[in-house]
Structure formats: C-alpha cells, structure tokens
Amino acid sequence: MLKGYLSKKAKIIDKALNKCLPLKSQYPKVIHEAMRYSVFSGGKRLRPILVLMANDVCGGEQKDVLPLACSIEMIHNYSLIHDDLPAMDNDEYRRGKLTCHRRFNEAIAVLAGDALLTRAFEIMANYGYSSNIISEVAKAIGTEGMVGGQVAELVEQESLHTKTDKKKEEAINYVHLHKTGALIKVCLKAGAMAAKAPKRKVKALENYGQNLGLAFQITDDILDIKQDKGVFGDFTYTGIYGINGSREIAFGLIEQAKEELKVFGRKAKMLNQLADFVAKRKK
C-alpha cells in the first residue's frame, strides 16, 4: 500500500516539477539542461512527498501545496549538485548517472545549483506562501541548518581522530541533524503550516520530521557499509556505534517519531508506514 502511494505521489510531483522548471530549449539552453538533468535523474521525491503528507494529515488541499513541495525538491537537488563537486565530496556518479559537473562542467554545475535555489524561492513567492513559511525554509537550509551541517562535517572530520567518543557523538549528531535532518524536518513543518494547522500539530509533525530525518541518515550509514560504499572509520554512526548499535538507535528514533503522530489518530496511517519503511529500508 505504501509503495503504491509513494509512486503515485512521486508522479504528481514530477509532473508539477516539469511545469516549474524552464524548458531545455529556453536560452541559455545549457543551464536549463543542467537543471533538468539533475532534477529528473531518478530521485525518490521523499522530501516533497513529506510536504504533501503533512499537508494532507492536517486537512490541506494538495493543489495548494504542490508548488511548495516542488520548491523544496529543487533546493534538495541544488544541495546534491554542490555536494558532488570536486571541492566537496568529488563524486562522479549519483543515482547511477554522471553527476552534474561530470555531465557538463564545474562552472555549469555551480550555476545550475544556484539557479535551482533561486528558482525555488521565486516559486514560493509567486504562489503567495506566507513569509513565515518561506523564512522557515530559508532557515532550514542556511548556516543554522543544512549549510551549517555541511560546514560542520568538513571542520569536524579534520579533527575527528583527536576527539573522545562523547565528542564524536556530539559532532555527528549535530552534523546529521542539520545537514540531512533540517530539510526533512522543515518539509513536515512547512506542509502543516501551509494547511494552517494548529501549533500543537505543527510541532508534532516537526518532531516527527526530526526523528525521521536522523533515522534516515543512520540507515544510510548502515546501507553504505553493507554495499561497501563506506568504512567504519568514516564520520558515520556505524563508525562510532557499529551496525547493530546504529540500527538500535534508528529503531528508537522511529518509535519516537511514531509517538508524535498519535495526535492525528488514524489519519496518520501513511506517515506511520513511512516511518517503518525508513527503519527497514534496504536501499
């Protein structure tokens, strides 16, 4: 049931994204080709789906929140383009395809990321989302959120070998709560805010998002080890807690996430199923 639900929502988001992005034929073509290449490279659309799910569980209309969901997906893809650059992770492939800078070049990749970010805020403004929603999104991706987490990872990795286990734990929690978790959390919060949900429900979904986001990153670390993409000494949960310890932490976070959903009763069925899926996912 969940798989079919997610697939249906992903198709809706893809259709909306196609309308939100400039045509490949629009001058200057290369930048629009690069933007579309990255956005339509096979992502699962988890983040925009979370926006729709939060909006739905709070009684909102899907059509009213689709542009917001697309904006957040553009922001996510901007971050991936920049993460893959030689100055950052220096990755050649993403989702089985050449990364943006390998398919085009570094300059175009930087500009494609910039263009997706600015396009996202243009769409949010044009569709009349409140300044509070736009501010929450901006905060989640700035130095208090995603960018801050990315910077902290770069800084902390340099001195990881000198840290105690307690300091390593603090550092890795900060990085993942900000680098990955902040954007996932704001998907839930912004979706609820767009539905004009009461504060207690917005907060419940925000807390759900924070726990889900951290659990998502931990399961990523586990999967990387199992697929021989990572090593235990890296800046990961598995490097500190091992696979079994990391899995136990992830399951605990999922239970906390599901606890937050009790305020919604049976309406939160899909969000509960999604939490279980994150804990048990194999890819």
C-alpha atoms as a PDB file:
ATOM      1  CA  MET A   1       0.000   0.000   0.000  1.00  0.00           C
ATOM      2  CA  LEU A   2       2.759   2.454   0.928  1.00  0.00           C
ATOM      3  CA  LYS A   3       4.794   1.673  -2.198  1.00  0.00           C
ATOM      4  CA  GLY A   4       1.830   2.435  -4.460  1.00  0.00           C
ATOM      5  CA  TYR A   5       1.048   5.602  -2.507  1.00  0.00           C
ATOM      6  CA  LEU A   6       4.621   6.889  -2.806  1.00  0.00           C
ATOM      7  CA  SER A   7       4.786   6.053  -6.504  1.00  0.00           C
ATOM      8  CA  LYS A   8       1.558   7.938  -7.189  1.00  0.00           C
ATOM      9  CA  LYS A   9       2.733  10.996  -5.260  1.00  0.00           C
ATOM     10  CA  ALA A  10       6.130  10.943  -6.997  1.00  0.00           C
ATOM     11  CA  LYS A  11       4.432  11.034 -10.406  1.00  0.00           C
ATOM     12  CA  ILE A  12       2.305  14.001  -9.327  1.00  0.00           C
ATOM     13  CA  ILE A  13       5.422  15.823  -8.140  1.00  0.00           C
ATOM     14  CA  ASP A  14       7.333  15.037 -11.344  1.00  0.00           C
ATOM     15  CA  LYS A  15       4.504  16.480 -13.433  1.00  0.00           C
ATOM     16  CA  ALA A  16       4.447  19.628 -11.303  1.00  0.00           C
ATOM     17  CA  LEU A  17       8.260  19.963 -11.395  1.00  0.00           C
ATOM     18  CA  ASN A  18       8.170  19.792 -15.179  1.00  0.00           C
ATOM     19  CA  LYS A  19       5.924  22.854 -15.186  1.00  0.00           C
ATOM     20  CA  CYS A  20       8.018  24.704 -12.595  1.00  0.00           C
ATOM     21  CA  LEU A  21      11.329  24.433 -14.431  1.00  0.00           C
ATOM     22  CA  PRO A  22      12.348  26.417 -17.530  1.00  0.00           C
ATOM     23  CA  LEU A  23      12.230  24.490 -20.812  1.00  0.00           C
ATOM     24  CA  LYS A  24      15.504  22.977 -22.041  1.00  0.00           C
ATOM     25  CA  SER A  25      15.085  24.949 -25.249  1.00  0.00           C
ATOM     26  CA  GLN A  26      14.977  28.281 -23.386  1.00  0.00           C
ATOM     27  CA  TYR A  27      18.128  30.389 -23.803  1.00  0.00           C
ATOM     28  CA  PRO A  28      20.731  29.916 -22.399  1.00  0.00           C
ATOM     29  CA  LYS A  29      19.945  26.250 -23.011  1.00  0.00           C
ATOM     30  CA  VAL A  30      22.895  24.653 -21.228  1.00  0.00           C
ATOM     31  CA  ILE A  31      21.896  25.886 -17.762  1.00  0.00           C
ATOM     32  CA  HIS A  32      18.302  24.739 -18.179  1.00  0.00           C
ATOM     33  CA  GLU A  33      19.504  21.379 -19.480  1.00  0.00           C
ATOM     34  CA  ALA A  34      21.727  21.007 -16.413  1.00  0.00           C
ATOM     35  CA  MET A  35      18.901  21.928 -14.027  1.00  0.00           C
ATOM     36  CA  ARG A  36      16.544  19.410 -15.594  1.00  0.00           C
ATOM     37  CA  TYR A  37      19.255  16.752 -15.844  1.00  0.00           C
ATOM     38  CA  SER A  38      19.808  16.908 -12.092  1.00  0.00           C
ATOM     39  CA  VAL A  39      16.163  17.186 -11.013  1.00  0.00           C
ATOM     40  CA  PHE A  40      15.000  14.331 -13.244  1.00  0.00           C
ATOM     41  CA  SER A  41      17.848  11.927 -12.515  1.00  0.00           C
ATOM     42  CA  GLY A  42      15.784   9.356 -10.643  1.00  0.00           C
ATOM     43  CA  GLY A  43      15.240  10.723  -7.125  1.00  0.00           C
ATOM     44  CA  LYS A  44      12.565   9.136  -4.927  1.00  0.00           C
ATOM     45  CA  ARG A  45      10.982  12.538  -4.109  1.00  0.00           C
ATOM     46  CA  LEU A  46      10.875  11.766  -0.379  1.00  0.00           C
ATOM     47  CA  ARG A  47      11.100  15.402   0.710  1.00  0.00           C
ATOM     48  CA  PRO A  48       8.297  16.821  -1.442  1.00  0.00           C
ATOM     49  CA  ILE A  49       6.160  13.786  -0.616  1.00  0.00           C
ATOM     50  CA  LEU A  50       6.609  14.620   3.076  1.00  0.00           C
ATOM     51  CA  VAL A  51       5.302  18.129   2.357  1.00  0.00           C
ATOM     52  CA  LEU A  52       2.189  16.644   0.743  1.00  0.00           C
ATOM     53  CA  MET A  53       1.707  14.109   3.532  1.00  0.00           C
ATOM     54  CA  ALA A  54       1.963  16.702   6.287  1.00  0.00           C
ATOM     55  CA  ASN A  55      -0.434  18.991   4.463  1.00  0.00           C
ATOM     56  CA  ASP A  56      -2.890  16.148   3.916  1.00  0.00           C
ATOM     57  CA  VAL A  57      -2.894  14.907   7.517  1.00  0.00           C
ATOM     58  CA  CYS A  58      -3.681  18.484   8.588  1.00  0.00           C
ATOM     59  CA  GLY A  59      -6.623  18.779   6.197  1.00  0.00           C
ATOM     60  CA  GLY A  60      -4.971  20.844   3.466  1.00  0.00           C
ATOM     61  CA  GLU A  61      -5.523  20.710  -0.295  1.00  0.00           C
ATOM     62  CA  GLN A  62      -2.796  19.068  -2.386  1.00  0.00           C
ATOM     63  CA  LYS A  63      -3.025  21.645  -5.200  1.00  0.00           C
ATOM     64  CA  ASP A  64      -2.290  24.437  -2.748  1.00  0.00           C
ATOM     65  CA  VAL A  65       0.937  22.905  -1.502  1.00  0.00           C
ATOM     66  CA  LEU A  66       2.383  21.348  -4.670  1.00  0.00           C
ATOM     67  CA  PRO A  67       4.456  24.436  -5.609  1.00  0.00           C
ATOM     68  CA  LEU A  68       5.948  24.436  -2.101  1.00  0.00           C
ATOM     69  CA  ALA A  69       6.790  20.739  -2.408  1.00  0.00           C
ATOM     70  CA  CYS A  70       8.457  21.362  -5.789  1.00  0.00           C
ATOM     71  CA  SER A  71      10.449  24.268  -4.354  1.00  0.00           C
ATOM     72  CA  ILE A  72      11.855  22.063  -1.609  1.00  0.00           C
ATOM     73  CA  GLU A  73      12.763  19.356  -4.125  1.00  0.00           C
ATOM     74  CA  MET A  74      14.660  21.954  -6.165  1.00  0.00           C
ATOM     75  CA  ILE A  75      16.508  23.026  -3.037  1.00  0.00           C
ATOM     76  CA  HIS A  76      17.382  19.403  -2.290  1.00  0.00           C
ATOM     77  CA  ASN A  77      18.770  18.910  -5.793  1.00  0.00           C
ATOM     78  CA  TYR A  78      20.771  22.130  -5.605  1.00  0.00           C
ATOM     79  CA  SER A  79      22.433  20.763  -2.465  1.00  0.00           C
ATOM     80  CA  LEU A  80      23.232  17.457  -4.184  1.00  0.00           C
ATOM     81  CA  ILE A  81      24.819  19.179  -7.178  1.00  0.00           C
ATOM     82  CA  HIS A  82      27.069  21.218  -4.898  1.00  0.00           C
ATOM     83  CA  ASP A  83      27.840  18.251  -2.601  1.00  0.00           C
ATOM     84  CA  ASP A  84      29.105  16.277  -5.588  1.00  0.00           C
ATOM     85  CA  LEU A  85      31.567  18.962  -6.714  1.00  0.00           C
ATOM     86  CA  PRO A  86      35.333  18.268  -6.546  1.00  0.00           C
ATOM     87  CA  ALA A  87      35.727  20.811  -3.753  1.00  0.00           C
ATOM     88  CA  MET A  88      33.202  18.872  -1.641  1.00  0.00           C
ATOM     89  CA  ASP A  89      32.632  15.097  -1.996  1.00  0.00           C
ATOM     90  CA  ASN A  90      34.110  14.841  -5.515  1.00  0.00           C
ATOM     91  CA  ASP A  91      31.606  12.230  -6.704  1.00  0.00           C
ATOM     92  CA  GLU A  92      31.455  11.096 -10.320  1.00  0.00           C
ATOM     93  CA  TYR A  93      28.098   9.331 -10.147  1.00  0.00           C
ATOM     94  CA  ARG A  94      24.766   9.868  -8.432  1.00  0.00           C
ATOM     95  CA  ARG A  95      21.788   7.544  -8.808  1.00  0.00           C
ATOM     96  CA  GLY A  96      23.765   5.613 -11.401  1.00  0.00           C
ATOM     97  CA  LYS A  97      24.291   8.627 -13.663  1.00  0.00           C
ATOM     98  CA  LEU A  98      27.137  11.068 -14.123  1.00  0.00           C
ATOM     99  CA  THR A  99      26.991  13.904 -11.618  1.00  0.00           C
ATOM    100  CA  CYS A 100      26.139  17.337 -12.956  1.00  0.00           C
ATOM    101  CA  HIS A 101      29.717  18.593 -13.059  1.00  0.00           C
ATOM    102  CA  ARG A 102      30.837  15.439 -14.870  1.00  0.00           C
ATOM    103  CA  ARG A 103      27.984  15.595 -17.385  1.00  0.00           C
ATOM    104  CA  PHE A 104      28.507  19.317 -18.062  1.00  0.00           C
ATOM    105  CA  ASN A 105      31.387  21.053 -16.231  1.00  0.00           C
ATOM    106  CA  GLU A 106      32.111  22.511 -12.809  1.00  0.00           C
ATOM    107  CA  ALA A 107      31.085  26.063 -13.666  1.00  0.00           C
ATOM    108  CA  ILE A 108      27.732  24.994 -15.101  1.00  0.00           C
ATOM    109  CA  ALA A 109      27.141  22.697 -12.119  1.00  0.00           C
ATOM    110  CA  VAL A 110      27.719  25.537  -9.651  1.00  0.00           C
ATOM    111  CA  LEU A 111      25.393  27.790 -11.624  1.00  0.00           C
ATOM    112  CA  ALA A 112      22.751  25.053 -12.015  1.00  0.00           C
ATOM    113  CA  GLY A 113      22.683  24.636  -8.247  1.00  0.00           C
ATOM    114  CA  ASP A 114      22.438  28.398  -7.783  1.00  0.00           C
ATOM    115  CA  ALA A 115      19.643  28.581 -10.350  1.00  0.00           C
ATOM    116  CA  LEU A 116      17.616  25.823  -8.670  1.00  0.00           C
ATOM    117  CA  LEU A 117      17.935  27.521  -5.302  1.00  0.00           C
ATOM    118  CA  THR A 118      16.810  30.912  -6.574  1.00  0.00           C
ATOM    119  CA  ARG A 119      14.042  29.363  -8.684  1.00  0.00           C
ATOM    120  CA  ALA A 120      12.695  27.670  -5.563  1.00  0.00           C
ATOM    121  CA  PHE A 121      12.299  30.961  -3.711  1.00  0.00           C
ATOM    122  CA  GLU A 122      10.843  32.621  -6.800  1.00  0.00           C
ATOM    123  CA  ILE A 123       8.136  29.942  -6.925  1.00  0.00           C
ATOM    124  CA  MET A 124       7.350  30.199  -3.220  1.00  0.00           C
ATOM    125  CA  ALA A 125       6.986  33.966  -3.525  1.00  0.00           C
ATOM    126  CA  ASN A 126       4.946  33.829  -6.742  1.00  0.00           C
ATOM    127  CA  TYR A 127       2.465  31.379  -5.263  1.00  0.00           C
ATOM    128  CA  GLY A 128       1.954  33.569  -2.241  1.00  0.00           C
ATOM    129  CA  TYR A 129       3.235  31.396   0.581  1.00  0.00           C
ATOM    130  CA  SER A 130       3.467  33.263   3.859  1.00  0.00           C
ATOM    131  CA  SER A 131       6.685  34.947   4.919  1.00  0.00           C
ATOM    132  CA  ASN A 132       6.721  32.598   7.929  1.00  0.00           C
ATOM    133  CA  ILE A 133       6.824  29.522   5.679  1.00  0.00           C
ATOM    134  CA  ILE A 134       9.482  30.999   3.394  1.00  0.00           C
ATOM    135  CA  SER A 135      11.520  32.042   6.434  1.00  0.00           C
ATOM    136  CA  GLU A 136      11.344  28.513   7.900  1.00  0.00           C
ATOM    137  CA  VAL A 137      12.596  27.024   4.628  1.00  0.00           C
ATOM    138  CA  ALA A 138      15.417  29.574   4.414  1.00  0.00           C
ATOM    139  CA  LYS A 139      16.492  28.902   7.992  1.00  0.00           C
ATOM    140  CA  ALA A 140      16.461  25.132   7.416  1.00  0.00           C
ATOM    141  CA  ILE A 141      18.929  25.379   4.544  1.00  0.00           C
ATOM    142  CA  GLY A 142      21.212  28.152   5.829  1.00  0.00           C
ATOM    143  CA  THR A 143      24.004  28.191   8.380  1.00  0.00           C
ATOM    144  CA  GLU A 144      21.564  27.177  11.122  1.00  0.00           C
ATOM    145  CA  GLY A 145      20.527  24.178   9.061  1.00  0.00           C
ATOM    146  CA  MET A 146      21.771  22.293   6.000  1.00  0.00           C
ATOM    147  CA  VAL A 147      24.734  24.518   5.102  1.00  0.00           C
ATOM    148  CA  GLY A 148      25.802  24.678   8.732  1.00  0.00           C
ATOM    149  CA  GLY A 149      25.710  20.882   8.941  1.00  0.00           C
ATOM    150  CA  GLN A 150      27.791  20.554   5.799  1.00  0.00           C
ATOM    151  CA  VAL A 151      30.387  23.003   7.099  1.00  0.00           C
ATOM    152  CA  ALA A 152      30.482  21.279  10.492  1.00  0.00           C
ATOM    153  CA  GLU A 153      31.155  17.963   8.762  1.00  0.00           C
ATOM    154  CA  LEU A 154      34.118  19.436   6.890  1.00  0.00           C
ATOM    155  CA  VAL A 155      35.515  21.013  10.052  1.00  0.00           C
ATOM    156  CA  GLU A 156      34.902  18.093  12.400  1.00  0.00           C
ATOM    157  CA  GLN A 157      36.351  15.459  10.064  1.00  0.00           C
ATOM    158  CA  GLU A 158      39.722  17.182  10.211  1.00  0.00           C
ATOM    159  CA  SER A 159      39.999  16.684  13.975  1.00  0.00           C
ATOM    160  CA  LEU A 160      37.926  13.529  14.419  1.00  0.00           C
ATOM    161  CA  HIS A 161      40.907  11.404  15.440  1.00  0.00           C
ATOM    162  CA  THR A 162      41.594  13.663  18.436  1.00  0.00           C
ATOM    163  CA  LYS A 163      38.064  13.558  19.856  1.00  0.00           C
ATOM    164  CA  THR A 164      36.716  11.432  22.677  1.00  0.00           C
ATOM    165  CA  ASP A 165      33.778   9.139  21.934  1.00  0.00           C
ATOM    166  CA  LYS A 166      31.456  11.634  23.645  1.00  0.00           C
ATOM    167  CA  LYS A 167      32.720  14.498  21.464  1.00  0.00           C
ATOM    168  CA  LYS A 168      32.422  12.330  18.356  1.00  0.00           C
ATOM    169  CA  GLU A 169      28.813  11.575  19.282  1.00  0.00           C
ATOM    170  CA  GLU A 170      28.021  15.264  19.772  1.00  0.00           C
ATOM    171  CA  ALA A 171      29.671  16.184  16.489  1.00  0.00           C
ATOM    172  CA  ILE A 172      27.957  13.532  14.406  1.00  0.00           C
ATOM    173  CA  ASN A 173      24.549  14.319  15.913  1.00  0.00           C
ATOM    174  CA  TYR A 174      24.998  17.992  15.070  1.00  0.00           C
ATOM    175  CA  VAL A 175      26.064  17.244  11.505  1.00  0.00           C
ATOM    176  CA  HIS A 176      23.224  14.860  10.701  1.00  0.00           C
ATOM    177  CA  LEU A 177      20.507  16.854  12.472  1.00  0.00           C
ATOM    178  CA  HIS A 178      21.487  19.842  10.354  1.00  0.00           C
ATOM    179  CA  LYS A 179      22.922  18.533   7.084  1.00  0.00           C
ATOM    180  CA  THR A 180      20.152  15.983   6.434  1.00  0.00           C
ATOM    181  CA  GLY A 181      17.600  16.378   9.197  1.00  0.00           C
ATOM    182  CA  ALA A 182      16.871  20.106   8.932  1.00  0.00           C
ATOM    183  CA  LEU A 183      15.452  19.900   5.408  1.00  0.00           C
ATOM    184  CA  ILE A 184      13.395  16.793   6.181  1.00  0.00           C
ATOM    185  CA  LYS A 185      12.037  18.447   9.327  1.00  0.00           C
ATOM    186  CA  VAL A 186      11.007  21.622   7.504  1.00  0.00           C
ATOM    187  CA  CYS A 187       9.143  19.564   4.891  1.00  0.00           C
ATOM    188  CA  LEU A 188       6.775  18.401   7.615  1.00  0.00           C
ATOM    189  CA  LYS A 189       6.592  21.771   9.342  1.00  0.00           C
ATOM    190  CA  ALA A 190       6.030  23.795   6.176  1.00  0.00           C
ATOM    191  CA  GLY A 191       3.420  21.350   4.890  1.00  0.00           C
ATOM    192  CA  ALA A 192       1.493  21.662   8.144  1.00  0.00           C
ATOM    193  CA  MET A 193       1.835  25.435   8.195  1.00  0.00           C
ATOM    194  CA  ALA A 194       0.504  25.655   4.635  1.00  0.00           C
ATOM    195  CA  ALA A 195      -2.625  23.823   5.838  1.00  0.00           C
ATOM    196  CA  LYS A 196      -2.949  26.371   8.669  1.00  0.00           C
ATOM    197  CA  ALA A 197      -2.718  23.597  11.248  1.00  0.00           C
ATOM    198  CA  PRO A 198      -2.813  24.440  14.981  1.00  0.00           C
ATOM    199  CA  LYS A 199       0.547  24.866  16.697  1.00  0.00           C
ATOM    200  CA  ARG A 200       0.428  21.537  18.546  1.00  0.00           C
ATOM    201  CA  LYS A 201       0.007  19.636  15.267  1.00  0.00           C
ATOM    202  CA  VAL A 202       2.733  21.655  13.544  1.00  0.00           C
ATOM    203  CA  LYS A 203       5.060  20.869  16.451  1.00  0.00           C
ATOM    204  CA  ALA A 204       4.145  17.175  16.419  1.00  0.00           C
ATOM    205  CA  LEU A 205       4.999  16.926  12.726  1.00  0.00           C
ATOM    206  CA  GLU A 206       8.184  18.929  13.225  1.00  0.00           C
ATOM    207  CA  ASN A 207       9.284  16.479  15.936  1.00  0.00           C
ATOM    208  CA  TYR A 208       8.300  13.540  13.725  1.00  0.00           C
ATOM    209  CA  GLY A 209      10.431  15.014  10.948  1.00  0.00           C
ATOM    210  CA  GLN A 210      13.454  15.492  13.173  1.00  0.00           C
ATOM    211  CA  ASN A 211      13.381  11.896  14.398  1.00  0.00           C
ATOM    212  CA  LEU A 212      12.659  10.553  10.921  1.00  0.00           C
ATOM    213  CA  GLY A 213      15.481  12.592   9.390  1.00  0.00           C
ATOM    214  CA  LEU A 214      18.078  11.334  11.843  1.00  0.00           C
ATOM    215  CA  ALA A 215      16.875   7.744  11.470  1.00  0.00           C
ATOM    216  CA  PHE A 216      17.069   8.148   7.687  1.00  0.00           C
ATOM    217  CA  GLN A 217      20.719   9.220   7.890  1.00  0.00           C
ATOM    218  CA  ILE A 218      21.621   6.376  10.252  1.00  0.00           C
ATOM    219  CA  THR A 219      20.074   3.793   7.924  1.00  0.00           C
ATOM    220  CA  ASP A 220      22.028   5.439   5.086  1.00  0.00           C
ATOM    221  CA  ASP A 221      25.228   4.817   7.041  1.00  0.00           C
ATOM    222  CA  ILE A 222      24.246   1.177   7.561  1.00  0.00           C
ATOM    223  CA  LEU A 223      23.394   0.677   3.897  1.00  0.00           C
ATOM    224  CA  ASP A 224      26.682   2.249   2.804  1.00  0.00           C
ATOM    225  CA  ILE A 225      28.580  -0.277   4.906  1.00  0.00           C
ATOM    226  CA  LYS A 226      26.554  -3.208   3.572  1.00  0.00           C
ATOM    227  CA  GLN A 227      27.049  -2.039  -0.017  1.00  0.00           C
ATOM    228  CA  ASP A 228      30.792  -1.473   0.537  1.00  0.00           C
ATOM    229  CA  LYS A 229      30.429   2.266  -0.026  1.00  0.00           C
ATOM    230  CA  GLY A 230      31.669   3.305   3.385  1.00  0.00           C
ATOM    231  CA  VAL A 231      34.160   2.304   6.054  1.00  0.00           C
ATOM    232  CA  PHE A 232      33.711   2.135   9.783  1.00  0.00           C
ATOM    233  CA  GLY A 233      36.297   4.832  10.396  1.00  0.00           C
ATOM    234  CA  ASP A 234      34.375   7.447   8.428  1.00  0.00           C
ATOM    235  CA  PHE A 235      32.312  10.207  10.005  1.00  0.00           C
ATOM    236  CA  THR A 236      29.266   7.950  10.392  1.00  0.00           C
ATOM    237  CA  TYR A 237      27.091   6.392  13.069  1.00  0.00           C
ATOM    238  CA  THR A 238      28.418   2.974  12.104  1.00  0.00           C
ATOM    239  CA  GLY A 239      31.925   4.261  12.727  1.00  0.00           C
ATOM    240  CA  ILE A 240      31.005   5.069  16.317  1.00  0.00           C
ATOM    241  CA  TYR A 241      28.296   2.538  17.248  1.00  0.00           C
ATOM    242  CA  GLY A 242      28.769  -0.283  14.733  1.00  0.00           C
ATOM    243  CA  ILE A 243      25.953  -1.687  12.603  1.00  0.00           C
ATOM    244  CA  ASN A 244      23.920  -3.251  15.425  1.00  0.00           C
ATOM    245  CA  GLY A 245      24.242  -0.228  17.682  1.00  0.00           C
ATOM    246  CA  SER A 246      23.299   2.111  14.842  1.00  0.00           C
ATOM    247  CA  ARG A 247      20.278   0.006  13.943  1.00  0.00           C
ATOM    248  CA  GLU A 248      19.103   0.072  17.551  1.00  0.00           C
ATOM    249  CA  ILE A 249      19.359   3.877  17.641  1.00  0.00           C
ATOM    250  CA  ALA A 250      17.439   4.153  14.363  1.00  0.00           C
ATOM    251  CA  PHE A 251      14.610   1.940  15.625  1.00  0.00           C
ATOM    252  CA  GLY A 252      14.385   4.043  18.792  1.00  0.00           C
ATOM    253  CA  LEU A 253      14.107   7.239  16.745  1.00  0.00           C
ATOM    254  CA  ILE A 254      11.380   5.707  14.583  1.00  0.00           C
ATOM    255  CA  GLU A 255       9.365   4.817  17.670  1.00  0.00           C
ATOM    256  CA  GLN A 256       9.717   8.398  18.922  1.00  0.00           C
ATOM    257  CA  ALA A 257       8.606   9.664  15.515  1.00  0.00           C
ATOM    258  CA  LYS A 258       5.505   7.475  15.549  1.00  0.00           C
ATOM    259  CA  GLU A 259       4.677   8.587  19.078  1.00  0.00           C
ATOM    260  CA  GLU A 260       4.363  12.162  17.788  1.00  0.00           C
ATOM    261  CA  LEU A 261       1.703  11.057  15.296  1.00  0.00           C
ATOM    262  CA  LYS A 262      -0.809   9.932  17.941  1.00  0.00           C
ATOM    263  CA  VAL A 263      -2.403  13.376  17.906  1.00  0.00           C
ATOM    264  CA  PHE A 264      -3.612  12.658  14.345  1.00  0.00           C
ATOM    265  CA  GLY A 265      -5.140   9.253  15.062  1.00  0.00           C
ATOM    266  CA  ARG A 266      -5.914   7.059  12.049  1.00  0.00           C
ATOM    267  CA  LYS A 267      -5.239   9.926   9.628  1.00  0.00           C
ATOM    268  CA  ALA A 268      -1.512   9.347  10.142  1.00  0.00           C
ATOM    269  CA  LYS A 269      -1.573   5.797   8.764  1.00  0.00           C
ATOM    270  CA  MET A 270       0.725   6.552   5.832  1.00  0.00           C
ATOM    271  CA  LEU A 271       3.150   8.591   7.925  1.00  0.00           C
ATOM    272  CA  ASN A 272       3.394   5.658  10.349  1.00  0.00           C
ATOM    273  CA  GLN A 273       4.032   3.258   7.487  1.00  0.00           C
ATOM    274  CA  LEU A 274       6.666   5.589   6.069  1.00  0.00           C
ATOM    275  CA  ALA A 275       8.485   5.642   9.414  1.00  0.00           C
ATOM    276  CA  ASP A 276       8.574   1.832   9.475  1.00  0.00           C
ATOM    277  CA  PHE A 277       9.795   1.807   5.876  1.00  0.00           C
ATOM    278  CA  VAL A 278      12.710   4.130   6.711  1.00  0.00           C
ATOM    279  CA  ALA A 279      13.790   1.882   9.573  1.00  0.00           C
ATOM    280  CA  LYS A 280      13.707  -1.278   7.451  1.00  0.00           C
ATOM    281  CA  ARG A 281      14.685   0.024   4.015  1.00  0.00           C
ATOM    282  CA  LYS A 282      17.277  -1.850   2.010  1.00  0.00           C
ATOM    283  CA  LYS A 283      18.225   0.896  -0.494  1.00  0.00           C
END
